[in-house]
Amino acid sequence: MFAEHDNYLIKAVDLFCGAGGLTYGLQRSGVDVVAGYDIEASCKYAFEHNNNAVFFEKDVRIVSDDEIKQHFQGADYSLLAGCAPCQPFSTYSRTKKRSNLEDNRWNLLSSFGRLISLVLPDFVTMENVPGLASEQVFSDFLMTLSNNGYSVDYAVVYCPDYGMAQTRKRLVLVASRISDIKLLPPTHNTQTYSSVRDVIEHLPKLDAGETCKNDSLHRASILSDINLQRIQASLPGGTWLDWPEKLRAGCHKKSSGSTYSSVYGRMSWDDLAPTITTQCNGYGNGRFGHPEQDRAISLREAAMLQSFPETYKFHSDGDKFSIAALAKMIGNAVPVRLGEIVGDSINQSISTLSKAN
């Protein structure tokens, strides 16, 4: 699927590559991602099968600059991407300061900065949760870029503004050592946002616990009897207050229950989906009920709401696989569309540079 540019070649390495969402998006924009690094071996199949790139099961903290430089040979421009795992910087984690200080994932961004300083790629990109922007580790990362001569642009991106049908917000950064660079402006507005209907309405209908015969990823989790009754009583976009009293969970009856209004909720066809999480296939984990079918969304639907194409394969045919592992892979992924926006932003920077010369 890699589409080459006629007049220049950008080679990229995707650190913390996961299932390949960022890589797939970058390749859509014409960036030749040649390698991906991740410590999760379960991501290898999805990354390599769908992308024209090689997967390396390796901790970024021990990757050498010489190894990265080898991947860039023959390129006109180089890009190093590093979307470190976001859990240490999430709102939930940041309420637990002690565990954050003990979480060795905090230094992953610093390890990325180390490689940038040694390799000095032409372009850099990273993506993470918005909360990272208020942390010292991010300020240190910006200083690393500045000290190495990079022009930097970053913003908290609201995914619907770029055509994604979920309310996800992400911190996205692009940097260039050879030119000024800016993130592309939003491509959509409230009048043109994509909806849940636009993305998943055409998929085959499923019952809870059923798997589509033509797509093993299009499978719905089993529901207990009470959860089946709950979703049958749920209105699209509604809350548990729509249920009869006998169906309400214990947490709903506490004074704090009002804060869980979206739990066990249904999506609405003509609205945005909530942020797709690592537990998005569970009806009780958020507003992950299908808009009209009495079930939680399937893994395929979650992946498509993450802007993966319907044909993206996350496991090989006939292989046994862990539902939880696939849900984690999908929920943790960089949305494909964000990767494409990053790639297009870099292409625009190169185009501006070429015109100036």
Protein backbone atom coordinates (compact mmCIF):
# COMPACT_ATOMS: atom_id res chain seq x y z
CA MET A 1 0.00 0.00 0.00
CA PHE A 2 3.07 2.26 0.25
CA ALA A 3 2.75 5.15 -2.22
CA GLU A 4 6.11 6.63 -3.16
CA HIS A 5 6.66 10.29 -3.94
CA ASP A 6 7.96 11.06 -7.40
CA ASN A 7 10.72 13.37 -6.30
CA TYR A 8 11.79 12.38 -2.77
CA LEU A 9 11.84 9.44 -0.38
CA ILE A 10 11.07 9.73 3.32
CA LYS A 11 12.13 6.73 5.38
CA ALA A 12 10.71 6.34 8.88
CA VAL A 13 11.12 4.20 11.99
CA ASP A 14 8.12 3.76 14.27
CA LEU A 15 9.11 3.27 17.91
CA PHE A 16 6.39 1.80 20.18
CA CYS A 17 4.66 0.76 16.95
CA GLY A 18 1.97 -1.51 18.39
CA ALA A 19 -0.41 -2.90 15.77
CA GLY A 20 0.72 -0.33 13.21
CA GLY A 21 -1.91 2.41 13.24
CA LEU A 22 0.61 5.23 12.94
CA THR A 23 2.67 3.32 10.37
CA TYR A 24 -0.37 2.58 8.20
CA GLY A 25 -1.39 6.24 8.25
CA LEU A 26 2.13 7.43 7.45
CA GLN A 27 2.37 5.00 4.55
CA ARG A 28 -0.95 6.29 3.23
CA SER A 29 0.66 9.71 3.04
CA GLY A 30 3.64 8.34 1.13
CA VAL A 31 6.13 7.90 3.98
CA ASP A 32 8.16 4.69 3.70
CA VAL A 33 8.06 3.26 7.23
CA VAL A 34 10.74 0.57 7.10
CA ALA A 35 10.76 -0.66 10.71
CA GLY A 36 8.67 -0.79 13.84
CA TYR A 37 9.84 -1.47 17.40
CA ASP A 38 7.73 -2.74 20.29
CA ILE A 39 8.13 -5.07 23.26
CA GLU A 40 4.72 -6.67 22.64
CA ALA A 41 5.34 -9.72 20.46
CA SER A 42 1.59 -10.07 19.89
CA CYS A 43 1.73 -6.97 17.66
CA LYS A 44 4.13 -8.51 15.14
CA TYR A 45 1.53 -10.13 12.88
CA ALA A 46 -0.73 -7.07 12.61
CA PHE A 47 2.19 -4.73 12.06
CA GLU A 48 3.95 -6.76 9.37
CA HIS A 49 0.91 -8.21 7.57
CA ASN A 50 -0.70 -4.83 6.94
CA ASN A 51 2.38 -2.69 6.43
CA ASN A 52 5.43 -2.71 4.21
CA ALA A 53 7.75 -2.78 7.23
CA VAL A 54 9.67 -5.14 9.55
CA PHE A 55 8.78 -5.63 13.23
CA PHE A 56 11.51 -5.74 15.87
CA GLU A 57 10.59 -7.06 19.31
CA LYS A 58 12.95 -4.88 21.28
CA ASP A 59 12.92 -2.42 24.16
CA VAL A 60 13.49 1.10 22.83
CA ARG A 61 15.68 1.84 25.84
CA ILE A 62 18.39 -0.49 24.48
CA VAL A 63 18.09 0.38 20.78
CA SER A 64 21.29 2.00 19.49
CA ASP A 65 21.57 5.04 17.29
CA ASP A 66 23.60 3.04 14.74
CA GLU A 67 20.73 0.59 14.40
CA ILE A 68 18.28 3.40 13.67
CA LYS A 69 20.66 5.08 11.22
CA GLN A 70 20.91 1.84 9.22
CA HIS A 71 17.18 2.00 8.54
CA PHE A 72 17.52 5.48 7.03
CA GLN A 73 20.11 4.58 4.41
CA GLY A 74 19.20 5.76 0.90
CA ALA A 75 16.53 8.20 2.09
CA ASP A 76 16.20 11.81 1.09
CA TYR A 77 14.58 12.56 4.44
CA SER A 78 14.34 10.66 7.73
CA LEU A 79 11.52 10.50 10.29
CA LEU A 80 11.70 9.07 13.79
CA ALA A 81 8.32 8.48 15.43
CA GLY A 82 7.91 7.68 19.10
CA CYS A 83 4.40 7.31 20.50
CA ALA A 84 5.25 5.95 23.94
CA PRO A 85 2.63 4.05 25.97
CA CYS A 86 0.25 6.60 27.43
CA GLN A 87 -0.80 4.94 30.70
CA PRO A 88 1.68 6.81 32.92
CA PHE A 89 0.36 10.15 31.65
CA SER A 90 -3.37 9.37 31.74
CA THR A 91 -5.75 11.31 33.97
CA TYR A 92 -6.32 8.20 36.07
CA SER A 93 -2.63 7.48 36.54
CA ARG A 94 -1.77 11.07 37.38
CA THR A 95 -4.09 10.89 40.39
CA LYS A 96 -1.76 8.21 41.77
CA LYS A 97 1.47 10.16 42.02
CA ARG A 98 3.35 7.48 43.92
CA SER A 99 2.74 4.78 41.34
CA ASN A 100 3.68 7.21 38.58
CA LEU A 101 7.06 7.88 40.12
CA GLU A 102 7.67 4.15 40.31
CA ASP A 103 6.48 3.45 36.78
CA ASN A 104 9.54 2.90 34.60
CA ARG A 105 7.50 3.80 31.52
CA TRP A 106 8.00 7.44 32.54
CA ASN A 107 11.51 7.31 31.07
CA LEU A 108 10.39 6.04 27.65
CA LEU A 109 10.00 9.60 26.37
CA SER A 110 13.49 10.36 27.63
CA SER A 111 14.78 7.28 25.78
CA PHE A 112 13.14 8.62 22.64
CA GLY A 113 14.84 11.97 23.25
CA ARG A 114 18.18 10.19 23.63
CA LEU A 115 17.81 8.57 20.20
CA ILE A 116 16.78 11.87 18.61
CA SER A 117 19.92 13.57 19.96
CA LEU A 118 22.16 10.79 18.63
CA VAL A 119 20.45 10.14 15.27
CA LEU A 120 19.31 13.70 14.43
CA PRO A 121 16.54 12.65 12.02
CA ASP A 122 15.14 15.32 9.72
CA PHE A 123 11.67 14.93 11.25
CA VAL A 124 10.24 13.77 14.56
CA THR A 125 6.69 13.01 15.64
CA MET A 126 5.06 11.81 18.81
CA GLU A 127 1.48 11.29 20.04
CA ASN A 128 0.17 10.84 23.56
CA VAL A 129 -2.60 11.75 25.97
CA PRO A 130 -3.23 15.49 26.52
CA GLY A 131 -2.10 15.23 30.16
CA LEU A 132 1.49 14.71 29.09
CA ALA A 133 1.73 18.39 28.12
CA SER A 134 1.64 19.44 31.78
CA GLU A 135 4.41 17.09 32.89
CA GLN A 136 8.09 17.96 33.35
CA VAL A 137 9.12 15.03 31.17
CA PHE A 138 7.41 16.74 28.21
CA SER A 139 9.10 20.07 28.95
CA ASP A 140 12.41 18.23 29.02
CA PHE A 141 11.58 16.60 25.68
CA LEU A 142 10.81 19.98 24.11
CA MET A 143 14.14 21.26 25.42
CA THR A 144 15.91 18.30 23.82
CA LEU A 145 14.33 19.17 20.47
CA SER A 146 15.18 22.85 20.82
CA ASN A 147 18.79 22.14 21.77
CA ASN A 148 19.15 20.02 18.64
CA GLY A 149 17.82 22.69 16.30
CA TYR A 150 14.26 21.51 15.70
CA SER A 151 11.30 23.64 14.76
CA VAL A 152 8.36 22.27 16.76
CA ASP A 153 4.60 22.42 16.56
CA TYR A 154 2.21 20.56 18.84
CA ALA A 155 -1.44 20.71 19.77
CA VAL A 156 -4.14 18.80 21.60
CA VAL A 157 -6.02 17.38 18.64
CA TYR A 158 -9.75 16.66 18.80
CA CYS A 159 -10.04 13.66 16.50
CA PRO A 160 -13.45 14.57 14.97
CA ASP A 161 -11.79 17.71 13.56
CA TYR A 162 -9.82 15.39 11.29
CA GLY A 163 -12.63 13.08 10.25
CA MET A 164 -12.58 10.46 13.01
CA ALA A 165 -15.90 9.48 14.55
CA GLN A 166 -14.81 9.33 18.20
CA THR A 167 -14.33 11.98 20.87
CA ARG A 168 -10.68 11.12 21.37
CA LYS A 169 -8.29 13.96 22.24
CA ARG A 170 -4.56 13.45 21.70
CA LEU A 171 -1.42 15.49 22.06
CA VAL A 172 0.27 15.42 18.64
CA LEU A 173 3.74 16.85 17.99
CA VAL A 174 5.69 17.30 14.77
CA ALA A 175 9.22 18.67 14.55
CA SER A 176 11.64 19.43 11.74
CA ARG A 177 15.38 20.04 11.78
CA ILE A 178 15.46 21.30 8.18
CA SER A 179 12.48 23.64 7.90
CA ASP A 180 9.55 25.20 9.70
CA ILE A 181 6.70 22.78 10.28
CA LYS A 182 3.05 23.03 11.27
CA LEU A 183 0.34 20.49 11.89
CA LEU A 184 -2.26 20.61 9.15
CA PRO A 185 -5.34 22.62 10.17
CA PRO A 186 -8.56 20.71 10.89
CA THR A 187 -10.24 19.14 7.89
CA HIS A 188 -13.74 18.89 9.42
CA ASN A 189 -16.10 20.94 11.57
CA THR A 190 -19.26 20.26 13.56
CA GLN A 191 -21.29 20.32 10.36
CA THR A 192 -19.14 17.72 8.63
CA TYR A 193 -18.08 15.40 11.46
CA SER A 194 -18.17 11.68 10.71
CA SER A 195 -20.67 9.71 12.79
CA VAL A 196 -20.95 6.19 14.18
CA ARG A 197 -23.41 5.49 11.39
CA ASP A 198 -20.92 6.57 8.72
CA VAL A 199 -18.31 4.14 10.01
CA ILE A 200 -20.03 0.93 11.13
CA GLU A 201 -23.71 0.85 10.08
CA HIS A 202 -23.01 -1.34 7.03
CA LEU A 203 -21.44 -4.19 9.01
CA PRO A 204 -23.40 -7.47 9.40
CA LYS A 205 -25.75 -7.67 12.37
CA LEU A 206 -24.67 -9.69 15.38
CA ASP A 207 -26.22 -11.03 18.57
CA ALA A 208 -24.29 -10.88 21.84
CA GLY A 209 -21.73 -13.69 21.83
CA GLU A 210 -21.90 -14.15 18.06
CA THR A 211 -19.00 -14.01 15.56
CA CYS A 212 -19.41 -13.02 11.92
CA LYS A 213 -18.66 -16.00 9.69
CA ASN A 214 -16.69 -13.84 7.26
CA ASP A 215 -14.70 -11.79 9.79
CA SER A 216 -13.48 -13.25 13.08
CA LEU A 217 -12.75 -9.76 14.40
CA HIS A 218 -16.41 -8.84 14.03
CA ARG A 219 -17.45 -10.63 17.19
CA ALA A 220 -19.55 -9.46 20.11
CA SER A 221 -18.90 -10.30 23.74
CA ILE A 222 -21.30 -12.56 25.60
CA LEU A 223 -23.74 -10.71 27.87
CA SER A 224 -25.08 -11.96 31.18
CA ASP A 225 -28.85 -12.13 31.53
CA ILE A 226 -29.00 -8.90 33.54
CA ASN A 227 -26.74 -7.03 31.12
CA LEU A 228 -28.88 -8.19 28.22
CA GLN A 229 -31.90 -6.76 30.03
CA ARG A 230 -29.98 -3.55 30.69
CA ILE A 231 -29.04 -2.95 27.08
CA GLN A 232 -32.56 -3.77 25.96
CA ALA A 233 -33.72 -0.99 28.29
CA SER A 234 -31.04 1.44 27.10
CA LEU A 235 -31.77 4.32 24.74
CA PRO A 236 -29.19 5.57 22.21
CA GLY A 237 -27.21 8.31 23.94
CA GLY A 238 -29.15 7.70 27.16
CA THR A 239 -28.06 6.68 30.66
CA TRP A 240 -28.86 4.05 33.27
CA LEU A 241 -31.59 6.42 34.50
CA ASP A 242 -33.63 5.08 31.58
CA TRP A 243 -33.68 1.64 33.22
CA PRO A 244 -36.23 0.30 35.69
CA GLU A 245 -34.94 0.41 39.26
CA LYS A 246 -34.41 -3.36 39.44
CA LEU A 247 -31.75 -3.25 36.70
CA ARG A 248 -29.57 -0.56 38.23
CA ALA A 249 -26.13 -1.60 39.45
CA GLY A 250 -24.91 -1.08 43.00
CA CYS A 251 -22.57 1.74 41.97
CA HIS A 252 -25.51 3.64 40.44
CA LYS A 253 -27.32 3.69 43.79
CA LYS A 254 -24.43 5.42 45.57
CA SER A 255 -24.21 9.21 45.74
CA SER A 256 -21.29 9.04 43.33
CA GLY A 257 -23.35 7.07 40.80
CA SER A 258 -24.22 10.16 38.78
CA THR A 259 -20.58 10.31 37.64
CA TYR A 260 -21.00 6.98 35.83
CA SER A 261 -23.72 8.13 33.47
CA SER A 262 -22.13 6.64 30.35
CA VAL A 263 -21.39 3.22 31.84
CA TYR A 264 -23.61 0.58 30.21
CA GLY A 265 -24.65 3.21 27.66
CA ARG A 266 -25.55 2.88 24.00
CA MET A 267 -23.91 4.91 21.27
CA SER A 268 -26.06 7.01 18.95
CA TRP A 269 -25.98 6.43 15.20
CA ASP A 270 -25.72 10.09 14.27
CA ASP A 271 -23.31 11.15 16.98
CA LEU A 272 -19.66 10.52 17.77
CA ALA A 273 -18.45 7.40 19.52
CA PRO A 274 -16.72 7.81 22.87
CA THR A 275 -12.96 7.40 23.07
CA ILE A 276 -12.13 3.82 22.14
CA THR A 277 -10.28 2.25 25.08
CA THR A 278 -8.52 -1.05 25.74
CA GLN A 279 -11.79 -2.39 27.20
CA CYS A 280 -14.02 -1.12 24.42
CA ASN A 281 -15.58 -4.53 23.71
CA GLY A 282 -17.16 -4.70 27.16
CA TYR A 283 -20.68 -3.30 27.55
CA GLY A 284 -20.10 -2.31 31.18
CA ASN A 285 -16.88 -0.39 30.54
CA GLY A 286 -18.33 2.79 29.06
CA ARG A 287 -20.73 3.86 26.35
CA PHE A 288 -19.82 0.86 24.22
CA GLY A 289 -23.29 -0.50 23.53
CA HIS A 290 -24.24 -0.78 19.86
CA PRO A 291 -26.71 1.92 18.75
CA GLU A 292 -29.52 -0.54 18.04
CA GLN A 293 -28.33 -4.15 18.39
CA ASP A 294 -28.46 -5.60 21.91
CA ARG A 295 -24.74 -6.05 22.39
CA ALA A 296 -21.45 -4.26 22.90
CA ILE A 297 -19.56 -3.12 19.83
CA SER A 298 -17.35 -5.72 18.19
CA LEU A 299 -13.59 -5.59 17.93
CA ARG A 300 -13.95 -4.81 14.20
CA GLU A 301 -16.26 -1.89 14.96
CA ALA A 302 -13.81 -0.59 17.56
CA ALA A 303 -10.93 -0.83 15.08
CA MET A 304 -12.91 1.01 12.40
CA LEU A 305 -13.80 3.76 14.88
CA GLN A 306 -10.04 4.00 15.38
CA SER A 307 -9.93 4.62 11.59
CA PHE A 308 -8.37 1.27 10.69
CA PRO A 309 -9.69 0.01 7.36
CA GLU A 310 -12.24 -2.82 7.46
CA THR A 311 -9.67 -5.16 5.87
CA TYR A 312 -6.97 -4.64 8.53
CA LYS A 313 -5.97 -8.02 9.99
CA PHE A 314 -4.95 -8.26 13.64
CA HIS A 315 -4.33 -12.03 13.77
CA SER A 316 -3.57 -14.80 11.30
CA ASP A 317 -6.30 -17.12 10.02
CA GLY A 318 -6.92 -20.14 12.23
CA ASP A 319 -4.80 -18.84 15.09
CA LYS A 320 -6.15 -18.83 18.61
CA PHE A 321 -6.08 -15.32 19.97
CA SER A 322 -6.87 -13.45 23.15
CA ILE A 323 -9.86 -11.13 22.91
CA ALA A 324 -8.40 -9.00 25.70
CA ALA A 325 -5.03 -8.75 23.89
CA LEU A 326 -6.69 -7.64 20.66
CA ALA A 327 -8.88 -5.09 22.48
CA LYS A 328 -5.76 -3.70 24.14
CA MET A 329 -3.98 -3.55 20.78
CA ILE A 330 -6.88 -1.66 19.20
CA GLY A 331 -7.51 0.70 22.12
CA ASN A 332 -3.82 1.60 22.46
CA ALA A 333 -3.33 2.22 18.74
CA VAL A 334 -2.60 5.59 17.22
CA PRO A 335 -5.62 6.20 14.96
CA VAL A 336 -4.65 5.63 11.33
CA ARG A 337 -6.04 9.01 10.32
CA LEU A 338 -3.73 10.80 12.78
CA GLY A 339 -0.76 9.06 11.18
CA GLU A 340 -1.92 10.30 7.80
CA ILE A 341 -2.26 13.85 9.12
CA VAL A 342 1.28 13.71 10.49
CA GLY A 343 2.61 12.42 7.17
CA ASP A 344 0.77 15.09 5.22
CA SER A 345 2.11 17.77 7.60
CA ILE A 346 5.65 16.59 6.88
CA ASN A 347 5.00 16.54 3.13
CA GLN A 348 3.71 20.09 3.34
CA SER A 349 6.87 21.14 5.19
CA ILE A 350 9.07 19.58 2.48
CA SER A 351 7.00 21.22 -0.25
CA THR A 352 7.40 24.62 1.39
CA LEU A 353 11.14 24.05 1.73
CA SER A 354 11.45 23.05 -1.95
CA LYS A 355 9.60 26.16 -3.09
CA ALA A 356 11.83 28.35 -0.93
CA ASN A 357 14.92 26.84 -2.57
